[in-house]
Amino acid sequence: MLYDLLQDNQFAALLRSHSLDILHYLFEKGEEFGVVADRDAISFNPKLPDEIYRSLPEFPLFLLVNYTFESGRIENGSLVFEAGFGPENFGSVVTIPVESLLQIIVDETPIFVNLTATIKRRPAPKDSMELFLSNPENRKFMKKG
């Protein structure tokens, strides 16, 4: 049941909408927060130097406080903010699609958890034959040439 729920696109859309509502609320209230996100979904502009990028964990924690919070916004369904990285404080604009947020944290406590953030979704099958063949067990019913 849980596996099916986590694979469900409608459930993922619900969590995405909920995360957007929470982020808008936190910005509106001026409440600083942190996020944990899937590194592979994050973009950096300018791109981080390789040694800095490689040092990031698979699910980095970003604290939106002070200037980073002030620079933060929601743009095209993504959380966008400026941050400094590494010993030289390399500046970059961070863009995180909200569906890739695993947690939203306030005062070291997660207030939102998105269990679908790391699920790689397959596109819906285009036709009934593709749907039929998407189950490996059904291949035994195909005629061999």
N, C-alpha and C. Protein backbone atom coordinates (compact mmCIF):
# COMPACT_ATOMS: atom_id res chain seq x y z
N MET A 1 0.82 -1.20 0.00
CA MET A 1 0.00 0.00 0.00
C MET A 1 0.86 1.26 0.00
N LEU A 2 1.87 1.32 0.89
CA LEU A 2 2.72 2.51 0.94
C LEU A 2 3.46 2.70 -0.37
N TYR A 3 3.98 1.60 -0.93
CA TYR A 3 4.70 1.69 -2.21
C TYR A 3 3.79 2.28 -3.29
N ASP A 4 2.57 1.79 -3.37
CA ASP A 4 1.63 2.30 -4.37
C ASP A 4 1.32 3.77 -4.14
N LEU A 5 1.15 4.16 -2.89
CA LEU A 5 0.88 5.56 -2.56
C LEU A 5 2.04 6.45 -2.98
N LEU A 6 3.26 6.02 -2.71
CA LEU A 6 4.43 6.82 -3.05
C LEU A 6 4.65 6.92 -4.56
N GLN A 7 4.17 5.95 -5.31
CA GLN A 7 4.28 5.97 -6.76
C GLN A 7 3.18 6.79 -7.42
N ASP A 8 2.14 7.11 -6.67
CA ASP A 8 0.96 7.76 -7.21
C ASP A 8 1.23 9.24 -7.53
N ASN A 9 1.05 9.62 -8.79
CA ASN A 9 1.31 11.00 -9.21
C ASN A 9 0.38 11.99 -8.54
N GLN A 10 -0.85 11.59 -8.26
CA GLN A 10 -1.81 12.48 -7.60
C GLN A 10 -1.35 12.78 -6.17
N PHE A 11 -0.84 11.77 -5.47
CA PHE A 11 -0.32 11.98 -4.12
C PHE A 11 0.90 12.89 -4.15
N ALA A 12 1.80 12.67 -5.12
CA ALA A 12 2.99 13.53 -5.26
C ALA A 12 2.58 14.98 -5.52
N ALA A 13 1.55 15.18 -6.34
CA ALA A 13 1.07 16.53 -6.63
C ALA A 13 0.49 17.18 -5.38
N LEU A 14 -0.19 16.40 -4.55
CA LEU A 14 -0.72 16.91 -3.30
C LEU A 14 0.40 17.38 -2.38
N LEU A 15 1.45 16.58 -2.25
CA LEU A 15 2.59 16.96 -1.42
C LEU A 15 3.31 18.19 -1.99
N ARG A 16 3.42 18.25 -3.31
CA ARG A 16 4.04 19.40 -3.95
C ARG A 16 3.27 20.67 -3.63
N SER A 17 1.96 20.61 -3.75
CA SER A 17 1.11 21.76 -3.45
C SER A 17 1.24 22.17 -1.98
N HIS A 18 1.26 21.17 -1.11
CA HIS A 18 1.39 21.44 0.33
C HIS A 18 2.73 22.10 0.64
N SER A 19 3.80 21.64 0.01
CA SER A 19 5.12 22.24 0.26
C SER A 19 5.15 23.69 -0.22
N LEU A 20 4.53 23.96 -1.36
CA LEU A 20 4.45 25.35 -1.84
C LEU A 20 3.69 26.23 -0.87
N ASP A 21 2.57 25.73 -0.35
CA ASP A 21 1.79 26.50 0.62
C ASP A 21 2.62 26.82 1.86
N ILE A 22 3.36 25.83 2.35
CA ILE A 22 4.19 26.04 3.54
C ILE A 22 5.28 27.07 3.26
N LEU A 23 5.96 26.95 2.13
CA LEU A 23 7.02 27.90 1.79
C LEU A 23 6.48 29.32 1.67
N HIS A 24 5.35 29.49 0.98
CA HIS A 24 4.74 30.82 0.88
C HIS A 24 4.42 31.37 2.27
N TYR A 25 3.88 30.53 3.13
CA TYR A 25 3.54 30.93 4.49
C TYR A 25 4.78 31.38 5.26
N LEU A 26 5.86 30.60 5.19
CA LEU A 26 7.08 30.93 5.92
C LEU A 26 7.67 32.25 5.43
N PHE A 27 7.69 32.46 4.12
CA PHE A 27 8.20 33.74 3.58
C PHE A 27 7.31 34.89 4.02
N GLU A 28 6.00 34.68 3.95
CA GLU A 28 5.05 35.73 4.34
C GLU A 28 5.21 36.12 5.81
N LYS A 29 5.46 35.14 6.67
CA LYS A 29 5.63 35.38 8.11
C LYS A 29 7.05 35.82 8.48
N GLY A 30 7.97 35.78 7.51
CA GLY A 30 9.35 36.15 7.82
C GLY A 30 10.05 35.12 8.68
N GLU A 31 9.62 33.88 8.60
CA GLU A 31 10.16 32.79 9.42
C GLU A 31 11.30 32.09 8.69
N GLU A 32 12.53 32.21 9.21
CA GLU A 32 13.66 31.53 8.61
C GLU A 32 13.49 30.02 8.76
N PHE A 33 14.06 29.27 7.81
CA PHE A 33 13.85 27.83 7.80
C PHE A 33 14.99 27.14 7.07
N GLY A 34 14.97 25.83 7.13
CA GLY A 34 15.94 25.02 6.40
C GLY A 34 15.20 24.05 5.50
N VAL A 35 15.90 23.55 4.51
CA VAL A 35 15.35 22.53 3.63
C VAL A 35 16.41 21.45 3.39
N VAL A 36 15.93 20.24 3.25
CA VAL A 36 16.77 19.12 2.82
C VAL A 36 16.23 18.72 1.45
N ALA A 37 17.14 18.57 0.50
CA ALA A 37 16.71 18.31 -0.88
C ALA A 37 17.59 17.27 -1.55
N ASP A 38 17.08 16.72 -2.62
CA ASP A 38 17.80 15.76 -3.44
C ASP A 38 18.83 16.51 -4.29
N ARG A 39 20.11 16.31 -4.01
CA ARG A 39 21.18 17.05 -4.69
C ARG A 39 21.10 16.96 -6.21
N ASP A 40 20.69 15.81 -6.72
CA ASP A 40 20.66 15.63 -8.17
C ASP A 40 19.63 16.52 -8.86
N ALA A 41 18.66 17.02 -8.10
CA ALA A 41 17.62 17.86 -8.68
C ALA A 41 17.92 19.36 -8.54
N ILE A 42 18.97 19.69 -7.82
CA ILE A 42 19.31 21.09 -7.54
C ILE A 42 20.16 21.66 -8.66
N SER A 43 19.87 22.91 -9.04
CA SER A 43 20.76 23.58 -10.01
C SER A 43 21.41 24.78 -9.33
N PHE A 44 22.62 25.07 -9.76
CA PHE A 44 23.42 26.16 -9.21
C PHE A 44 23.84 27.07 -10.36
N ASN A 45 23.68 28.39 -10.14
CA ASN A 45 24.07 29.35 -11.17
C ASN A 45 24.83 30.50 -10.51
N PRO A 46 26.13 30.63 -10.73
CA PRO A 46 26.95 29.79 -11.59
C PRO A 46 27.13 28.40 -10.98
N LYS A 47 27.50 27.48 -11.85
CA LYS A 47 27.75 26.11 -11.44
C LYS A 47 28.83 26.08 -10.38
N LEU A 48 28.65 25.23 -9.37
CA LEU A 48 29.66 25.11 -8.32
C LEU A 48 30.92 24.46 -8.86
N PRO A 49 32.08 24.87 -8.37
CA PRO A 49 33.31 24.14 -8.73
C PRO A 49 33.17 22.66 -8.34
N ASP A 50 33.75 21.79 -9.13
CA ASP A 50 33.60 20.35 -8.92
C ASP A 50 33.93 19.91 -7.49
N GLU A 51 35.00 20.44 -6.91
CA GLU A 51 35.38 19.99 -5.57
C GLU A 51 34.32 20.38 -4.53
N ILE A 52 33.66 21.51 -4.71
CA ILE A 52 32.60 21.91 -3.79
C ILE A 52 31.36 21.03 -4.02
N TYR A 53 30.99 20.84 -5.28
CA TYR A 53 29.80 20.04 -5.59
C TYR A 53 29.96 18.62 -5.05
N ARG A 54 31.14 18.02 -5.28
CA ARG A 54 31.39 16.65 -4.82
C ARG A 54 31.35 16.54 -3.29
N SER A 55 31.62 17.64 -2.60
CA SER A 55 31.61 17.60 -1.14
C SER A 55 30.19 17.68 -0.56
N LEU A 56 29.21 18.03 -1.39
CA LEU A 56 27.84 18.07 -0.90
C LEU A 56 27.32 16.66 -0.68
N PRO A 57 26.59 16.45 0.41
CA PRO A 57 25.99 15.12 0.60
C PRO A 57 24.87 14.89 -0.42
N GLU A 58 24.41 13.66 -0.51
CA GLU A 58 23.34 13.32 -1.45
C GLU A 58 22.08 14.13 -1.17
N PHE A 59 21.84 14.42 0.11
CA PHE A 59 20.68 15.20 0.52
C PHE A 59 21.15 16.36 1.41
N PRO A 60 21.64 17.45 0.79
CA PRO A 60 22.19 18.55 1.58
C PRO A 60 21.09 19.32 2.32
N LEU A 61 21.50 19.89 3.45
CA LEU A 61 20.65 20.78 4.24
C LEU A 61 21.05 22.20 3.91
N PHE A 62 20.09 23.02 3.55
CA PHE A 62 20.31 24.45 3.30
C PHE A 62 19.54 25.23 4.35
N LEU A 63 20.21 26.14 5.05
CA LEU A 63 19.55 27.00 6.02
C LEU A 63 19.30 28.34 5.38
N LEU A 64 18.05 28.71 5.30
CA LEU A 64 17.67 30.01 4.75
C LEU A 64 17.54 30.98 5.91
N VAL A 65 18.66 31.61 6.24
CA VAL A 65 18.72 32.60 7.32
C VAL A 65 19.45 33.83 6.80
N ASN A 66 19.21 34.95 7.45
CA ASN A 66 19.87 36.21 7.11
C ASN A 66 19.75 36.51 5.61
N TYR A 67 20.88 36.80 4.95
CA TYR A 67 20.81 37.19 3.54
C TYR A 67 20.23 36.09 2.66
N THR A 68 20.55 34.83 2.97
CA THR A 68 20.03 33.73 2.16
C THR A 68 18.50 33.72 2.22
N PHE A 69 17.94 33.95 3.40
CA PHE A 69 16.48 34.03 3.53
C PHE A 69 15.94 35.24 2.76
N GLU A 70 16.59 36.37 2.92
CA GLU A 70 16.13 37.60 2.24
C GLU A 70 16.16 37.45 0.72
N SER A 71 17.09 36.66 0.20
CA SER A 71 17.18 36.46 -1.24
C SER A 71 16.20 35.40 -1.73
N GLY A 72 15.58 34.68 -0.82
CA GLY A 72 14.73 33.55 -1.17
C GLY A 72 13.40 33.95 -1.77
N ARG A 73 12.89 33.08 -2.64
CA ARG A 73 11.59 33.30 -3.28
C ARG A 73 11.13 31.99 -3.92
N ILE A 74 9.86 31.99 -4.27
CA ILE A 74 9.30 30.88 -5.04
C ILE A 74 9.18 31.38 -6.47
N GLU A 75 9.74 30.63 -7.40
CA GLU A 75 9.74 31.04 -8.80
C GLU A 75 9.51 29.81 -9.68
N ASN A 76 8.44 29.84 -10.46
CA ASN A 76 8.12 28.73 -11.38
C ASN A 76 8.14 27.36 -10.70
N GLY A 77 7.55 27.29 -9.51
CA GLY A 77 7.47 26.02 -8.81
C GLY A 77 8.76 25.55 -8.17
N SER A 78 9.72 26.47 -8.02
CA SER A 78 10.99 26.13 -7.40
C SER A 78 11.31 27.10 -6.28
N LEU A 79 12.04 26.62 -5.29
CA LEU A 79 12.60 27.47 -4.25
C LEU A 79 13.93 27.99 -4.78
N VAL A 80 14.09 29.32 -4.77
CA VAL A 80 15.29 29.94 -5.32
C VAL A 80 15.89 30.84 -4.25
N PHE A 81 17.21 30.75 -4.06
CA PHE A 81 17.89 31.61 -3.09
C PHE A 81 19.37 31.68 -3.43
N GLU A 82 20.03 32.69 -2.87
CA GLU A 82 21.48 32.83 -3.05
C GLU A 82 22.18 32.26 -1.82
N ALA A 83 23.31 31.60 -2.06
CA ALA A 83 24.07 31.02 -0.96
C ALA A 83 25.55 31.02 -1.30
N GLY A 84 26.38 30.96 -0.26
CA GLY A 84 27.82 30.87 -0.43
C GLY A 84 28.29 29.48 -0.04
N PHE A 85 29.30 28.97 -0.77
CA PHE A 85 29.77 27.61 -0.57
C PHE A 85 31.29 27.58 -0.44
N GLY A 86 31.76 26.66 0.39
CA GLY A 86 33.19 26.43 0.52
C GLY A 86 33.89 27.51 1.31
N PRO A 87 35.20 27.33 1.51
CA PRO A 87 35.98 28.27 2.33
C PRO A 87 36.03 29.68 1.74
N GLU A 88 35.91 29.78 0.42
CA GLU A 88 35.93 31.11 -0.21
C GLU A 88 34.53 31.71 -0.33
N ASN A 89 33.52 31.01 0.21
CA ASN A 89 32.14 31.50 0.16
C ASN A 89 31.71 31.76 -1.29
N PHE A 90 31.96 30.78 -2.16
CA PHE A 90 31.61 30.86 -3.58
C PHE A 90 30.11 31.10 -3.72
N GLY A 91 29.73 32.21 -4.31
CA GLY A 91 28.33 32.58 -4.42
C GLY A 91 27.63 31.93 -5.60
N SER A 92 26.41 31.45 -5.37
CA SER A 92 25.64 30.81 -6.43
C SER A 92 24.15 30.95 -6.11
N VAL A 93 23.35 31.03 -7.16
CA VAL A 93 21.90 31.01 -7.00
C VAL A 93 21.47 29.55 -7.05
N VAL A 94 20.79 29.13 -5.99
CA VAL A 94 20.36 27.74 -5.84
C VAL A 94 18.89 27.66 -6.26
N THR A 95 18.57 26.70 -7.11
CA THR A 95 17.19 26.48 -7.53
C THR A 95 16.83 25.03 -7.24
N ILE A 96 15.79 24.86 -6.43
CA ILE A 96 15.35 23.52 -6.03
C ILE A 96 13.87 23.36 -6.40
N PRO A 97 13.55 22.46 -7.32
CA PRO A 97 12.13 22.20 -7.58
C PRO A 97 11.46 21.72 -6.30
N VAL A 98 10.30 22.27 -5.97
CA VAL A 98 9.69 21.94 -4.67
C VAL A 98 9.39 20.44 -4.54
N GLU A 99 9.16 19.75 -5.65
CA GLU A 99 8.90 18.31 -5.53
C GLU A 99 10.15 17.54 -5.11
N SER A 100 11.31 18.19 -5.11
CA SER A 100 12.56 17.55 -4.69
C SER A 100 12.94 17.88 -3.25
N LEU A 101 12.09 18.64 -2.56
CA LEU A 101 12.32 18.93 -1.14
C LEU A 101 11.91 17.73 -0.30
N LEU A 102 12.84 17.19 0.45
CA LEU A 102 12.53 16.07 1.35
C LEU A 102 11.95 16.57 2.66
N GLN A 103 12.51 17.68 3.17
CA GLN A 103 12.04 18.23 4.43
C GLN A 103 12.08 19.75 4.40
N ILE A 104 11.16 20.34 5.16
CA ILE A 104 11.21 21.75 5.51
C ILE A 104 11.34 21.78 7.03
N ILE A 105 12.31 22.54 7.52
CA ILE A 105 12.68 22.49 8.94
C ILE A 105 12.59 23.89 9.54
N VAL A 106 11.99 24.00 10.73
CA VAL A 106 11.97 25.24 11.49
C VAL A 106 12.48 24.93 12.89
N ASP A 107 13.44 25.71 13.35
CA ASP A 107 14.01 25.51 14.69
C ASP A 107 14.44 24.06 14.91
N GLU A 108 15.14 23.49 13.95
CA GLU A 108 15.70 22.14 14.01
C GLU A 108 14.64 21.04 14.05
N THR A 109 13.39 21.38 13.73
CA THR A 109 12.31 20.39 13.73
C THR A 109 11.68 20.31 12.35
N PRO A 110 11.61 19.14 11.74
CA PRO A 110 10.93 19.02 10.45
C PRO A 110 9.44 19.32 10.61
N ILE A 111 8.94 20.26 9.82
CA ILE A 111 7.51 20.57 9.84
C ILE A 111 6.81 20.01 8.59
N PHE A 112 7.61 19.53 7.65
CA PHE A 112 7.07 18.93 6.43
C PHE A 112 8.05 17.87 5.96
N VAL A 113 7.52 16.71 5.60
CA VAL A 113 8.33 15.63 5.05
C VAL A 113 7.65 15.14 3.78
N ASN A 114 8.42 15.07 2.71
CA ASN A 114 7.90 14.61 1.43
C ASN A 114 8.54 13.27 1.09
N LEU A 115 7.81 12.19 1.35
CA LEU A 115 8.34 10.85 1.09
C LEU A 115 8.46 10.54 -0.39
N THR A 116 7.84 11.33 -1.26
CA THR A 116 7.89 11.07 -2.70
C THR A 116 9.04 11.80 -3.39
N ALA A 117 9.80 12.60 -2.65
CA ALA A 117 10.82 13.46 -3.26
C ALA A 117 11.91 12.68 -3.99
N THR A 118 12.19 11.48 -3.57
CA THR A 118 13.28 10.72 -4.21
C THR A 118 12.77 9.64 -5.14
N ILE A 119 11.45 9.57 -5.34
CA ILE A 119 10.87 8.56 -6.22
C ILE A 119 11.07 9.00 -7.67
N LYS A 120 11.67 8.13 -8.44
CA LYS A 120 11.83 8.40 -9.87
C LYS A 120 10.59 7.87 -10.56
N ARG A 121 9.80 8.76 -11.08
CA ARG A 121 8.54 8.36 -11.70
C ARG A 121 8.73 8.00 -13.15
N ARG A 122 8.08 6.94 -13.53
CA ARG A 122 8.07 6.55 -14.94
C ARG A 122 6.91 7.26 -15.62
N PRO A 123 7.09 7.69 -16.86
CA PRO A 123 5.96 8.29 -17.57
C PRO A 123 4.85 7.26 -17.73
N ALA A 124 3.62 7.74 -17.76
CA ALA A 124 2.48 6.84 -17.94
C ALA A 124 2.58 6.15 -19.30
N PRO A 125 2.23 4.87 -19.37
CA PRO A 125 2.24 4.17 -20.66
C PRO A 125 1.33 4.87 -21.67
N LYS A 126 1.72 4.82 -22.94
CA LYS A 126 0.99 5.54 -23.98
C LYS A 126 -0.24 4.77 -24.46
N ASP A 127 -0.19 3.46 -24.45
CA ASP A 127 -1.33 2.70 -24.94
C ASP A 127 -1.46 1.41 -24.13
N SER A 128 -2.54 0.67 -24.42
CA SER A 128 -2.82 -0.52 -23.63
C SER A 128 -1.75 -1.60 -23.83
N MET A 129 -1.16 -1.72 -25.03
CA MET A 129 -0.11 -2.71 -25.25
C MET A 129 1.13 -2.37 -24.43
N GLU A 130 1.48 -1.11 -24.38
CA GLU A 130 2.63 -0.69 -23.58
C GLU A 130 2.37 -0.98 -22.11
N LEU A 131 1.15 -0.70 -21.66
CA LEU A 131 0.78 -0.99 -20.29
C LEU A 131 0.88 -2.48 -20.02
N PHE A 132 0.38 -3.30 -20.93
CA PHE A 132 0.44 -4.75 -20.82
C PHE A 132 1.88 -5.23 -20.72
N LEU A 133 2.74 -4.71 -21.59
CA LEU A 133 4.14 -5.14 -21.63
C LEU A 133 4.98 -4.57 -20.49
N SER A 134 4.46 -3.54 -19.80
CA SER A 134 5.22 -2.96 -18.69
C SER A 134 5.33 -3.94 -17.53
N ASN A 135 4.47 -4.95 -17.50
CA ASN A 135 4.56 -6.00 -16.49
C ASN A 135 5.34 -7.16 -17.10
N PRO A 136 6.53 -7.47 -16.58
CA PRO A 136 7.36 -8.53 -17.16
C PRO A 136 6.66 -9.89 -17.18
N GLU A 137 5.75 -10.13 -16.27
CA GLU A 137 5.02 -11.39 -16.25
C GLU A 137 4.16 -11.60 -17.49
N ASN A 138 3.74 -10.51 -18.11
CA ASN A 138 2.87 -10.60 -19.30
C ASN A 138 3.63 -10.98 -20.57
N ARG A 139 4.93 -10.85 -20.57
CA ARG A 139 5.70 -11.15 -21.78
C ARG A 139 5.58 -12.62 -22.19
N LYS A 140 5.30 -13.49 -21.25
CA LYS A 140 5.17 -14.91 -21.58
C LYS A 140 3.96 -15.19 -22.47
N PHE A 141 3.03 -14.24 -22.54
CA PHE A 141 1.85 -14.43 -23.38
C PHE A 141 2.08 -14.00 -24.83
N MET A 142 3.20 -13.42 -25.11
CA MET A 142 3.51 -12.95 -26.47
C MET A 142 3.98 -14.14 -27.31
N LYS A 143 3.56 -14.15 -28.57
CA LYS A 143 3.98 -15.21 -29.49
C LYS A 143 5.45 -15.03 -29.82
N LYS A 144 6.15 -16.13 -29.89
CA LYS A 144 7.56 -16.07 -30.30
C LYS A 144 7.62 -16.31 -31.78
N GLY A 145 8.35 -15.46 -32.49
CA GLY A 145 8.38 -15.43 -33.92
C GLY A 145 9.04 -16.55 -34.56
